Amino acid sequence: MAVLLQKMLAHQPGLELIRLETLGARPLGDDKQKLQIPLFAHDLVLEFRGSYLDILRYLERLESLSGGIHWDGFHLETEDWPTNRVRLELHTLSLSEDWIGV
């Protein structure tokens, strides 16, 4: 999933990747709530900069994906108008702890 996000960003004119970091997998449920099928959330942080409209187009493309990207956090900061910096915190779900890779 990280590679897909990076490629999408590279194909979106006007955006510059600052950071893409996979934070690893975390099991869903707790000791009291054992799931019959183990389920893992794979967390990612994506930071990039660009104009508001370029950022908006990228976010619309992300929302249109059918791969199950879930948004945990969004932060937009104007660095020096018209350039904005975005920090996205995302996760995907899988049945495998090592599914997302690097």
PDB file of N, CA and C in Angstrom:
ATOM      1  N   MET A   1       0.813  -1.190   0.000  1.00  0.00           N
ATOM      2  CA  MET A   1       0.000   0.000   0.000  1.00  0.00           C
ATOM      3  C   MET A   1       0.861   1.259   0.000  1.00  0.00           C
ATOM      4  N   ALA A   2       1.983   1.237   0.706  1.00  0.00           N
ATOM      5  CA  ALA A   2       2.871   2.396   0.752  1.00  0.00           C
ATOM      6  C   ALA A   2       3.389   2.745  -0.636  1.00  0.00           C
ATOM      7  N   VAL A   3       3.720   1.731  -1.416  1.00  0.00           N
ATOM      8  CA  VAL A   3       4.228   1.957  -2.768  1.00  0.00           C
ATOM      9  C   VAL A   3       3.138   2.583  -3.640  1.00  0.00           C
ATOM     10  N   LEU A   4       1.916   2.112  -3.514  1.00  0.00           N
ATOM     11  CA  LEU A   4       0.804   2.673  -4.270  1.00  0.00           C
ATOM     12  C   LEU A   4       0.602   4.150  -3.938  1.00  0.00           C
ATOM     13  N   LEU A   5       0.620   4.494  -2.652  1.00  0.00           N
ATOM     14  CA  LEU A   5       0.449   5.888  -2.251  1.00  0.00           C
ATOM     15  C   LEU A   5       1.566   6.769  -2.805  1.00  0.00           C
ATOM     16  N   GLN A   6       2.778   6.243  -2.769  1.00  0.00           N
ATOM     17  CA  GLN A   6       3.927   6.991  -3.275  1.00  0.00           C
ATOM     18  C   GLN A   6       3.816   7.192  -4.790  1.00  0.00           C
ATOM     19  N   LYS A   7       3.424   6.152  -5.521  1.00  0.00           N
ATOM     20  CA  LYS A   7       3.273   6.275  -6.972  1.00  0.00           C
ATOM     21  C   LYS A   7       2.162   7.249  -7.338  1.00  0.00           C
ATOM     22  N   MET A   8       1.057   7.192  -6.608  1.00  0.00           N
ATOM     23  CA  MET A   8      -0.037   8.129  -6.866  1.00  0.00           C
ATOM     24  C   MET A   8       0.421   9.565  -6.652  1.00  0.00           C
ATOM     25  N   LEU A   9       1.209   9.776  -5.610  1.00  0.00           N
ATOM     26  CA  LEU A   9       1.715  11.114  -5.318  1.00  0.00           C
ATOM     27  C   LEU A   9       2.668  11.578  -6.413  1.00  0.00           C
ATOM     28  N   ALA A  10       3.514  10.678  -6.905  1.00  0.00           N
ATOM     29  CA  ALA A  10       4.467  11.024  -7.959  1.00  0.00           C
ATOM     30  C   ALA A  10       3.761  11.396  -9.256  1.00  0.00           C
ATOM     31  N   HIS A  11       2.575  10.816  -9.481  1.00  0.00           N
ATOM     32  CA  HIS A  11       1.815  11.104 -10.703  1.00  0.00           C
ATOM     33  C   HIS A  11       0.854  12.274 -10.541  1.00  0.00           C
ATOM     34  N   GLN A  12       0.880  12.915  -9.395  1.00  0.00           N
ATOM     35  CA  GLN A  12       0.040  14.093  -9.173  1.00  0.00           C
ATOM     36  C   GLN A  12       0.912  15.336  -9.295  1.00  0.00           C
ATOM     37  N   PRO A  13       0.827  16.046 -10.416  1.00  0.00           N
ATOM     38  CA  PRO A  13       1.673  17.229 -10.601  1.00  0.00           C
ATOM     39  C   PRO A  13       1.477  18.248  -9.478  1.00  0.00           C
ATOM     40  N   GLY A  14       2.563  18.889  -9.104  1.00  0.00           N
ATOM     41  CA  GLY A  14       2.490  19.954  -8.108  1.00  0.00           C
ATOM     42  C   GLY A  14       2.654  19.507  -6.677  1.00  0.00           C
ATOM     43  N   LEU A  15       2.814  18.204  -6.436  1.00  0.00           N
ATOM     44  CA  LEU A  15       2.981  17.707  -5.073  1.00  0.00           C
ATOM     45  C   LEU A  15       4.397  17.183  -4.869  1.00  0.00           C
ATOM     46  N   GLU A  16       4.899  17.386  -3.678  1.00  0.00           N
ATOM     47  CA  GLU A  16       6.240  16.924  -3.322  1.00  0.00           C
ATOM     48  C   GLU A  16       6.151  16.063  -2.065  1.00  0.00           C
ATOM     49  N   LEU A  17       6.672  14.842  -2.154  1.00  0.00           N
ATOM     50  CA  LEU A  17       6.693  13.941  -1.012  1.00  0.00           C
ATOM     51  C   LEU A  17       7.739  14.407  -0.007  1.00  0.00           C
ATOM     52  N   ILE A  18       7.339  14.506   1.249  1.00  0.00           N
ATOM     53  CA  ILE A  18       8.253  14.850   2.322  1.00  0.00           C
ATOM     54  C   ILE A  18       8.627  13.598   3.107  1.00  0.00           C
ATOM     55  N   ARG A  19       7.623  12.794   3.426  1.00  0.00           N
ATOM     56  CA  ARG A  19       7.879  11.591   4.225  1.00  0.00           C
ATOM     57  C   ARG A  19       6.776  10.572   3.987  1.00  0.00           C
ATOM     58  N   LEU A  20       7.182   9.315   3.904  1.00  0.00           N
ATOM     59  CA  LEU A  20       6.257   8.186   3.869  1.00  0.00           C
ATOM     60  C   LEU A  20       6.840   7.145   4.801  1.00  0.00           C
ATOM     61  N   GLU A  21       6.127   6.862   5.862  1.00  0.00           N
ATOM     62  CA  GLU A  21       6.649   5.958   6.883  1.00  0.00           C
ATOM     63  C   GLU A  21       5.599   4.925   7.254  1.00  0.00           C
ATOM     64  N   THR A  22       5.998   3.656   7.216  1.00  0.00           N
ATOM     65  CA  THR A  22       5.133   2.595   7.719  1.00  0.00           C
ATOM     66  C   THR A  22       5.451   2.409   9.194  1.00  0.00           C
ATOM     67  N   LEU A  23       4.422   2.355   9.993  1.00  0.00           N
ATOM     68  CA  LEU A  23       4.603   2.284  11.445  1.00  0.00           C
ATOM     69  C   LEU A  23       4.412   0.879  11.990  1.00  0.00           C
ATOM     70  N   GLY A  24       4.222  -0.071  11.117  1.00  0.00           N
ATOM     71  CA  GLY A  24       4.081  -1.446  11.568  1.00  0.00           C
ATOM     72  C   GLY A  24       2.628  -1.851  11.738  1.00  0.00           C
ATOM     73  N   ALA A  25       2.460  -3.069  12.161  1.00  0.00           N
ATOM     74  CA  ALA A  25       1.128  -3.647  12.323  1.00  0.00           C
ATOM     75  C   ALA A  25       0.752  -3.705  13.795  1.00  0.00           C
ATOM     76  N   ARG A  26      -0.543  -3.565  14.023  1.00  0.00           N
ATOM     77  CA  ARG A  26      -1.051  -3.737  15.391  1.00  0.00           C
ATOM     78  C   ARG A  26      -2.273  -4.639  15.321  1.00  0.00           C
ATOM     79  N   PRO A  27      -2.323  -5.605  16.214  1.00  0.00           N
ATOM     80  CA  PRO A  27      -3.487  -6.503  16.204  1.00  0.00           C
ATOM     81  C   PRO A  27      -4.722  -5.763  16.704  1.00  0.00           C
ATOM     82  N   LEU A  28      -5.852  -6.078  16.118  1.00  0.00           N
ATOM     83  CA  LEU A  28      -7.113  -5.506  16.575  1.00  0.00           C
ATOM     84  C   LEU A  28      -7.736  -6.438  17.596  1.00  0.00           C
ATOM     85  N   GLY A  29      -8.440  -5.869  18.520  1.00  0.00           N
ATOM     86  CA  GLY A  29      -8.972  -6.645  19.629  1.00  0.00           C
ATOM     87  C   GLY A  29      -7.958  -6.655  20.757  1.00  0.00           C
ATOM     88  N   ASP A  30      -8.362  -7.129  21.917  1.00  0.00           N
ATOM     89  CA  ASP A  30      -7.440  -7.226  23.046  1.00  0.00           C
ATOM     90  C   ASP A  30      -7.502  -8.632  23.629  1.00  0.00           C
ATOM     91  N   ASP A  31      -6.812  -8.853  24.747  1.00  0.00           N
ATOM     92  CA  ASP A  31      -6.764 -10.189  25.338  1.00  0.00           C
ATOM     93  C   ASP A  31      -8.152 -10.693  25.732  1.00  0.00           C
ATOM     94  N   LYS A  32      -9.015  -9.788  26.158  1.00  0.00           N
ATOM     95  CA  LYS A  32     -10.363 -10.179  26.562  1.00  0.00           C
ATOM     96  C   LYS A  32     -11.250 -10.438  25.354  1.00  0.00           C
ATOM     97  N   GLN A  33     -10.916  -9.840  24.263  1.00  0.00           N
ATOM     98  CA  GLN A  33     -11.740  -9.890  23.062  1.00  0.00           C
ATOM     99  C   GLN A  33     -10.981 -10.615  21.952  1.00  0.00           C
ATOM    100  N   LYS A  34     -10.776 -11.893  22.091  1.00  0.00           N
ATOM    101  CA  LYS A  34     -10.059 -12.673  21.081  1.00  0.00           C
ATOM    102  C   LYS A  34     -10.913 -12.813  19.829  1.00  0.00           C
ATOM    103  N   LEU A  35     -10.349 -12.441  18.696  1.00  0.00           N
ATOM    104  CA  LEU A  35     -11.046 -12.584  17.429  1.00  0.00           C
ATOM    105  C   LEU A  35     -10.803 -13.982  16.889  1.00  0.00           C
ATOM    106  N   GLN A  36     -11.822 -14.575  16.272  1.00  0.00           N
ATOM    107  CA  GLN A  36     -11.653 -15.909  15.705  1.00  0.00           C
ATOM    108  C   GLN A  36     -10.662 -15.888  14.547  1.00  0.00           C
ATOM    109  N   ILE A  37     -10.676 -14.815  13.795  1.00  0.00           N
ATOM    110  CA  ILE A  37      -9.724 -14.632  12.698  1.00  0.00           C
ATOM    111  C   ILE A  37      -8.887 -13.419  13.067  1.00  0.00           C
ATOM    112  N   PRO A  38      -7.566 -13.566  13.177  1.00  0.00           N
ATOM    113  CA  PRO A  38      -6.741 -12.409  13.544  1.00  0.00           C
ATOM    114  C   PRO A  38      -6.825 -11.320  12.481  1.00  0.00           C
ATOM    115  N   LEU A  39      -6.925 -10.079  12.932  1.00  0.00           N
ATOM    116  CA  LEU A  39      -7.027  -8.935  12.045  1.00  0.00           C
ATOM    117  C   LEU A  39      -6.001  -7.899  12.482  1.00  0.00           C
ATOM    118  N   PHE A  40      -5.280  -7.350  11.515  1.00  0.00           N
ATOM    119  CA  PHE A  40      -4.216  -6.393  11.814  1.00  0.00           C
ATOM    120  C   PHE A  40      -4.458  -5.077  11.084  1.00  0.00           C
ATOM    121  N   ALA A  41      -4.157  -3.992  11.778  1.00  0.00           N
ATOM    122  CA  ALA A  41      -4.161  -2.660  11.165  1.00  0.00           C
ATOM    123  C   ALA A  41      -2.712  -2.296  10.879  1.00  0.00           C
ATOM    124  N   HIS A  42      -2.457  -1.815   9.675  1.00  0.00           N
ATOM    125  CA  HIS A  42      -1.115  -1.408   9.246  1.00  0.00           C
ATOM    126  C   HIS A  42      -1.116   0.111   9.103  1.00  0.00           C
ATOM    127  N   ASP A  43      -0.388   0.765   9.989  1.00  0.00           N
ATOM    128  CA  ASP A  43      -0.396   2.222  10.069  1.00  0.00           C
ATOM    129  C   ASP A  43       0.676   2.848   9.189  1.00  0.00           C
ATOM    130  N   LEU A  44       0.310   3.983   8.571  1.00  0.00           N
ATOM    131  CA  LEU A  44       1.218   4.741   7.705  1.00  0.00           C
ATOM    132  C   LEU A  44       1.087   6.226   8.023  1.00  0.00           C
ATOM    133  N   VAL A  45       2.189   6.941   7.828  1.00  0.00           N
ATOM    134  CA  VAL A  45       2.170   8.406   7.885  1.00  0.00           C
ATOM    135  C   VAL A  45       2.687   8.902   6.542  1.00  0.00           C
ATOM    136  N   LEU A  46       1.947   9.809   5.943  1.00  0.00           N
ATOM    137  CA  LEU A  46       2.291  10.374   4.647  1.00  0.00           C
ATOM    138  C   LEU A  46       2.307  11.891   4.795  1.00  0.00           C
ATOM    139  N   GLU A  47       3.449  12.498   4.465  1.00  0.00           N
ATOM    140  CA  GLU A  47       3.562  13.956   4.498  1.00  0.00           C
ATOM    141  C   GLU A  47       3.988  14.437   3.125  1.00  0.00           C
ATOM    142  N   PHE A  48       3.319  15.477   2.654  1.00  0.00           N
ATOM    143  CA  PHE A  48       3.643  16.053   1.359  1.00  0.00           C
ATOM    144  C   PHE A  48       3.231  17.517   1.341  1.00  0.00           C
ATOM    145  N   ARG A  49       3.684  18.231   0.298  1.00  0.00           N
ATOM    146  CA  ARG A  49       3.339  19.649   0.173  1.00  0.00           C
ATOM    147  C   ARG A  49       2.912  19.952  -1.255  1.00  0.00           C
ATOM    148  N   GLY A  50       2.138  21.032  -1.377  1.00  0.00           N
ATOM    149  CA  GLY A  50       1.674  21.477  -2.680  1.00  0.00           C
ATOM    150  C   GLY A  50       0.591  22.523  -2.513  1.00  0.00           C
ATOM    151  N   SER A  51       0.012  22.920  -3.619  1.00  0.00           N
ATOM    152  CA  SER A  51      -1.075  23.902  -3.567  1.00  0.00           C
ATOM    153  C   SER A  51      -2.344  23.224  -3.059  1.00  0.00           C
ATOM    154  N   TYR A  52      -3.269  24.043  -2.614  1.00  0.00           N
ATOM    155  CA  TYR A  52      -4.523  23.514  -2.069  1.00  0.00           C
ATOM    156  C   TYR A  52      -5.248  22.643  -3.098  1.00  0.00           C
ATOM    157  N   LEU A  53      -5.360  23.126  -4.333  1.00  0.00           N
ATOM    158  CA  LEU A  53      -6.094  22.370  -5.347  1.00  0.00           C
ATOM    159  C   LEU A  53      -5.388  21.074  -5.736  1.00  0.00           C
ATOM    160  N   ASP A  54      -4.049  21.064  -5.791  1.00  0.00           N
ATOM    161  CA  ASP A  54      -3.318  19.823  -6.070  1.00  0.00           C
ATOM    162  C   ASP A  54      -3.523  18.816  -4.942  1.00  0.00           C
ATOM    163  N   ILE A  55      -3.503  19.310  -3.712  1.00  0.00           N
ATOM    164  CA  ILE A  55      -3.741  18.438  -2.553  1.00  0.00           C
ATOM    165  C   ILE A  55      -5.149  17.873  -2.603  1.00  0.00           C
ATOM    166  N   LEU A  56      -6.114  18.716  -2.900  1.00  0.00           N
ATOM    167  CA  LEU A  56      -7.503  18.279  -2.981  1.00  0.00           C
ATOM    168  C   LEU A  56      -7.681  17.180  -4.023  1.00  0.00           C
ATOM    169  N   ARG A  57      -7.070  17.344  -5.197  1.00  0.00           N
ATOM    170  CA  ARG A  57      -7.172  16.315  -6.243  1.00  0.00           C
ATOM    171  C   ARG A  57      -6.570  14.987  -5.770  1.00  0.00           C
ATOM    172  N   TYR A  58      -5.444  15.039  -5.077  1.00  0.00           N
ATOM    173  CA  TYR A  58      -4.819  13.811  -4.571  1.00  0.00           C
ATOM    174  C   TYR A  58      -5.718  13.130  -3.541  1.00  0.00           C
ATOM    175  N   LEU A  59      -6.280  13.912  -2.635  1.00  0.00           N
ATOM    176  CA  LEU A  59      -7.157  13.345  -1.606  1.00  0.00           C
ATOM    177  C   LEU A  59      -8.409  12.729  -2.223  1.00  0.00           C
ATOM    178  N   GLU A  60      -8.934  13.356  -3.259  1.00  0.00           N
ATOM    179  CA  GLU A  60     -10.092  12.780  -3.956  1.00  0.00           C
ATOM    180  C   GLU A  60      -9.730  11.439  -4.593  1.00  0.00           C
ATOM    181  N   ARG A  61      -8.531  11.343  -5.147  1.00  0.00           N
ATOM    182  CA  ARG A  61      -8.077  10.066  -5.725  1.00  0.00           C
ATOM    183  C   ARG A  61      -7.931   9.004  -4.638  1.00  0.00           C
ATOM    184  N   LEU A  62      -7.397   9.404  -3.477  1.00  0.00           N
ATOM    185  CA  LEU A  62      -7.281   8.452  -2.368  1.00  0.00           C
ATOM    186  C   LEU A  62      -8.641   7.933  -1.934  1.00  0.00           C
ATOM    187  N   GLU A  63      -9.599   8.829  -1.829  1.00  0.00           N
ATOM    188  CA  GLU A  63     -10.942   8.423  -1.409  1.00  0.00           C
ATOM    189  C   GLU A  63     -11.596   7.482  -2.408  1.00  0.00           C
ATOM    190  N   SER A  64     -11.235   7.590  -3.678  1.00  0.00           N
ATOM    191  CA  SER A  64     -11.866   6.756  -4.702  1.00  0.00           C
ATOM    192  C   SER A  64     -11.286   5.341  -4.754  1.00  0.00           C
ATOM    193  N   LEU A  65     -10.174   5.101  -4.075  1.00  0.00           N
ATOM    194  CA  LEU A  65      -9.587   3.760  -4.084  1.00  0.00           C
ATOM    195  C   LEU A  65     -10.517   2.777  -3.389  1.00  0.00           C
ATOM    196  N   SER A  66     -10.571   1.573  -3.922  1.00  0.00           N
ATOM    197  CA  SER A  66     -11.427   0.555  -3.320  1.00  0.00           C
ATOM    198  C   SER A  66     -10.627  -0.396  -2.432  1.00  0.00           C
ATOM    199  N   GLY A  67      -9.377  -0.056  -2.140  1.00  0.00           N
ATOM    200  CA  GLY A  67      -8.503  -0.952  -1.393  1.00  0.00           C
ATOM    201  C   GLY A  67      -8.641  -0.892   0.115  1.00  0.00           C
ATOM    202  N   GLY A  68      -9.513  -0.080   0.635  1.00  0.00           N
ATOM    203  CA  GLY A  68      -9.727  -0.053   2.072  1.00  0.00           C
ATOM    204  C   GLY A  68      -8.709   0.760   2.841  1.00  0.00           C
ATOM    205  N   ILE A  69      -8.467   1.989   2.408  1.00  0.00           N
ATOM    206  CA  ILE A  69      -7.596   2.885   3.164  1.00  0.00           C
ATOM    207  C   ILE A  69      -8.470   3.655   4.139  1.00  0.00           C
ATOM    208  N   HIS A  70      -8.112   3.592   5.411  1.00  0.00           N
ATOM    209  CA  HIS A  70      -8.884   4.260   6.461  1.00  0.00           C
ATOM    210  C   HIS A  70      -8.076   5.432   6.998  1.00  0.00           C
ATOM    211  N   TRP A  71      -8.726   6.573   7.134  1.00  0.00           N
ATOM    212  CA  TRP A  71      -8.066   7.799   7.576  1.00  0.00           C
ATOM    213  C   TRP A  71      -8.153   7.888   9.098  1.00  0.00           C
ATOM    214  N   ASP A  72      -7.011   8.126   9.735  1.00  0.00           N
ATOM    215  CA  ASP A  72      -6.976   8.304  11.188  1.00  0.00           C
ATOM    216  C   ASP A  72      -6.717   9.754  11.572  1.00  0.00           C
ATOM    217  N   GLY A  73      -6.031  10.487  10.724  1.00  0.00           N
ATOM    218  CA  GLY A  73      -5.731  11.875  11.033  1.00  0.00           C
ATOM    219  C   GLY A  73      -5.362  12.654   9.793  1.00  0.00           C
ATOM    220  N   PHE A  74      -5.672  13.952   9.822  1.00  0.00           N
ATOM    221  CA  PHE A  74      -5.371  14.842   8.719  1.00  0.00           C
ATOM    222  C   PHE A  74      -4.985  16.195   9.304  1.00  0.00           C
ATOM    223  N   HIS A  75      -3.844  16.708   8.867  1.00  0.00           N
ATOM    224  CA  HIS A  75      -3.403  18.020   9.328  1.00  0.00           C
ATOM    225  C   HIS A  75      -2.907  18.800   8.118  1.00  0.00           C
ATOM    226  N   LEU A  76      -3.451  19.998   7.917  1.00  0.00           N
ATOM    227  CA  LEU A  76      -3.043  20.859   6.816  1.00  0.00           C
ATOM    228  C   LEU A  76      -2.526  22.163   7.405  1.00  0.00           C
ATOM    229  N   GLU A  77      -1.363  22.565   6.944  1.00  0.00           N
ATOM    230  CA  GLU A  77      -0.730  23.789   7.441  1.00  0.00           C
ATOM    231  C   GLU A  77      -0.208  24.584   6.246  1.00  0.00           C
ATOM    232  N   THR A  78      -0.501  25.877   6.230  1.00  0.00           N
ATOM    233  CA  THR A  78       0.023  26.727   5.172  1.00  0.00           C
ATOM    234  C   THR A  78       1.437  27.135   5.553  1.00  0.00           C
ATOM    235  N   GLU A  79       2.399  26.726   4.715  1.00  0.00           N
ATOM    236  CA  GLU A  79       3.798  27.057   4.979  1.00  0.00           C
ATOM    237  C   GLU A  79       4.094  28.476   4.514  1.00  0.00           C
ATOM    238  N   ASP A  80       3.925  28.690   3.237  1.00  0.00           N
ATOM    239  CA  ASP A  80       4.167  29.990   2.619  1.00  0.00           C
ATOM    240  C   ASP A  80       3.219  30.041   1.429  1.00  0.00           C
ATOM    241  N   TRP A  81       2.130  30.767   1.572  1.00  0.00           N
ATOM    242  CA  TRP A  81       1.090  30.758   0.564  1.00  0.00           C
ATOM    243  C   TRP A  81       1.679  30.883  -0.833  1.00  0.00           C
ATOM    244  N   PRO A  82       1.305  30.050  -1.777  1.00  0.00           N
ATOM    245  CA  PRO A  82       0.181  29.111  -1.782  1.00  0.00           C
ATOM    246  C   PRO A  82       0.559  27.676  -1.419  1.00  0.00           C
ATOM    247  N   THR A  83       1.716  27.467  -0.817  1.00  0.00           N
ATOM    248  CA  THR A  83       2.162  26.106  -0.508  1.00  0.00           C
ATOM    249  C   THR A  83       1.637  25.661   0.849  1.00  0.00           C
ATOM    250  N   ASN A  84       1.051  24.469   0.855  1.00  0.00           N
ATOM    251  CA  ASN A  84       0.530  23.857   2.074  1.00  0.00           C
ATOM    252  C   ASN A  84       1.268  22.557   2.334  1.00  0.00           C
ATOM    253  N   ARG A  85       1.322  22.199   3.594  1.00  0.00           N
ATOM    254  CA  ARG A  85       1.939  20.937   4.006  1.00  0.00           C
ATOM    255  C   ARG A  85       0.850  20.081   4.646  1.00  0.00           C
ATOM    256  N   VAL A  86       0.800  18.811   4.238  1.00  0.00           N
ATOM    257  CA  VAL A  86      -0.223  17.889   4.722  1.00  0.00           C
ATOM    258  C   VAL A  86       0.443  16.718   5.423  1.00  0.00           C
ATOM    259  N   ARG A  87      -0.150  16.329   6.532  1.00  0.00           N
ATOM    260  CA  ARG A  87       0.249  15.098   7.228  1.00  0.00           C
ATOM    261  C   ARG A  87      -0.998  14.227   7.313  1.00  0.00           C
ATOM    262  N   LEU A  88      -0.925  13.055   6.685  1.00  0.00           N
ATOM    263  CA  LEU A  88      -2.020  12.088   6.716  1.00  0.00           C
ATOM    264  C   LEU A  88      -1.605  10.884   7.544  1.00  0.00           C
ATOM    265  N   GLU A  89      -2.467  10.476   8.432  1.00  0.00           N
ATOM    266  CA  GLU A  89      -2.268   9.233   9.181  1.00  0.00           C
ATOM    267  C   GLU A  89      -3.340   8.267   8.691  1.00  0.00           C
ATOM    268  N   LEU A  90      -2.892   7.147   8.145  1.00  0.00           N
ATOM    269  CA  LEU A  90      -3.774   6.182   7.503  1.00  0.00           C
ATOM    270  C   LEU A  90      -3.526   4.788   8.035  1.00  0.00           C
ATOM    271  N   HIS A  91      -4.481   3.897   7.791  1.00  0.00           N
ATOM    272  CA  HIS A  91      -4.224   2.479   8.027  1.00  0.00           C
ATOM    273  C   HIS A  91      -5.030   1.635   7.050  1.00  0.00           C
ATOM    274  N   THR A  92      -4.520   0.446   6.818  1.00  0.00           N
ATOM    275  CA  THR A  92      -5.228  -0.566   6.041  1.00  0.00           C
ATOM    276  C   THR A  92      -5.406  -1.774   6.948  1.00  0.00           C
ATOM    277  N   LEU A  93      -6.276  -2.669   6.563  1.00  0.00           N
ATOM    278  CA  LEU A  93      -6.541  -3.872   7.353  1.00  0.00           C
ATOM    279  C   LEU A  93      -6.132  -5.107   6.562  1.00  0.00           C
ATOM    280  N   SER A  94      -5.656  -6.112   7.296  1.00  0.00           N
ATOM    281  CA  SER A  94      -5.332  -7.382   6.648  1.00  0.00           C
ATOM    282  C   SER A  94      -5.385  -8.504   7.673  1.00  0.00           C
ATOM    283  N   LEU A  95      -5.309  -9.714   7.147  1.00  0.00           N
ATOM    284  CA  LEU A  95      -5.284 -10.894   8.002  1.00  0.00           C
ATOM    285  C   LEU A  95      -3.865 -11.312   8.363  1.00  0.00           C
ATOM    286  N   SER A  96      -2.881 -10.624   7.783  1.00  0.00           N
ATOM    287  CA  SER A  96      -1.483 -10.975   7.991  1.00  0.00           C
ATOM    288  C   SER A  96      -0.735  -9.823   8.661  1.00  0.00           C
ATOM    289  N   GLU A  97       0.079 -10.153   9.619  1.00  0.00           N
ATOM    290  CA  GLU A  97       0.845  -9.133  10.343  1.00  0.00           C
ATOM    291  C   GLU A  97       1.896  -8.470   9.461  1.00  0.00           C
ATOM    292  N   ASP A  98       2.432  -9.201   8.500  1.00  0.00           N
ATOM    293  CA  ASP A  98       3.493  -8.636   7.670  1.00  0.00           C
ATOM    294  C   ASP A  98       3.026  -8.291   6.255  1.00  0.00           C
ATOM    295  N   TRP A  99       1.746  -8.069   6.067  1.00  0.00           N
ATOM    296  CA  TRP A  99       1.165  -7.853   4.751  1.00  0.00           C
ATOM    297  C   TRP A  99       1.691  -6.608   4.050  1.00  0.00           C
ATOM    298  N   ILE A 100       1.825  -5.491   4.749  1.00  0.00           N
ATOM    299  CA  ILE A 100       2.101  -4.221   4.076  1.00  0.00           C
ATOM    300  C   ILE A 100       3.534  -4.096   3.572  1.00  0.00           C
ATOM    301  N   GLY A 101       4.458  -4.780   4.150  1.00  0.00           N
ATOM    302  CA  GLY A 101       5.848  -4.705   3.703  1.00  0.00           C
ATOM    303  C   GLY A 101       6.489  -3.403   4.122  1.00  0.00           C
ATOM    304  N   VAL A 102       7.416  -2.914   3.295  1.00  0.00           N
ATOM    305  CA  VAL A 102       8.155  -1.706   3.662  1.00  0.00           C
ATOM    306  C   VAL A 102       7.441  -0.456   3.251  1.00  0.00           C
TER     307      VAL A 102
END
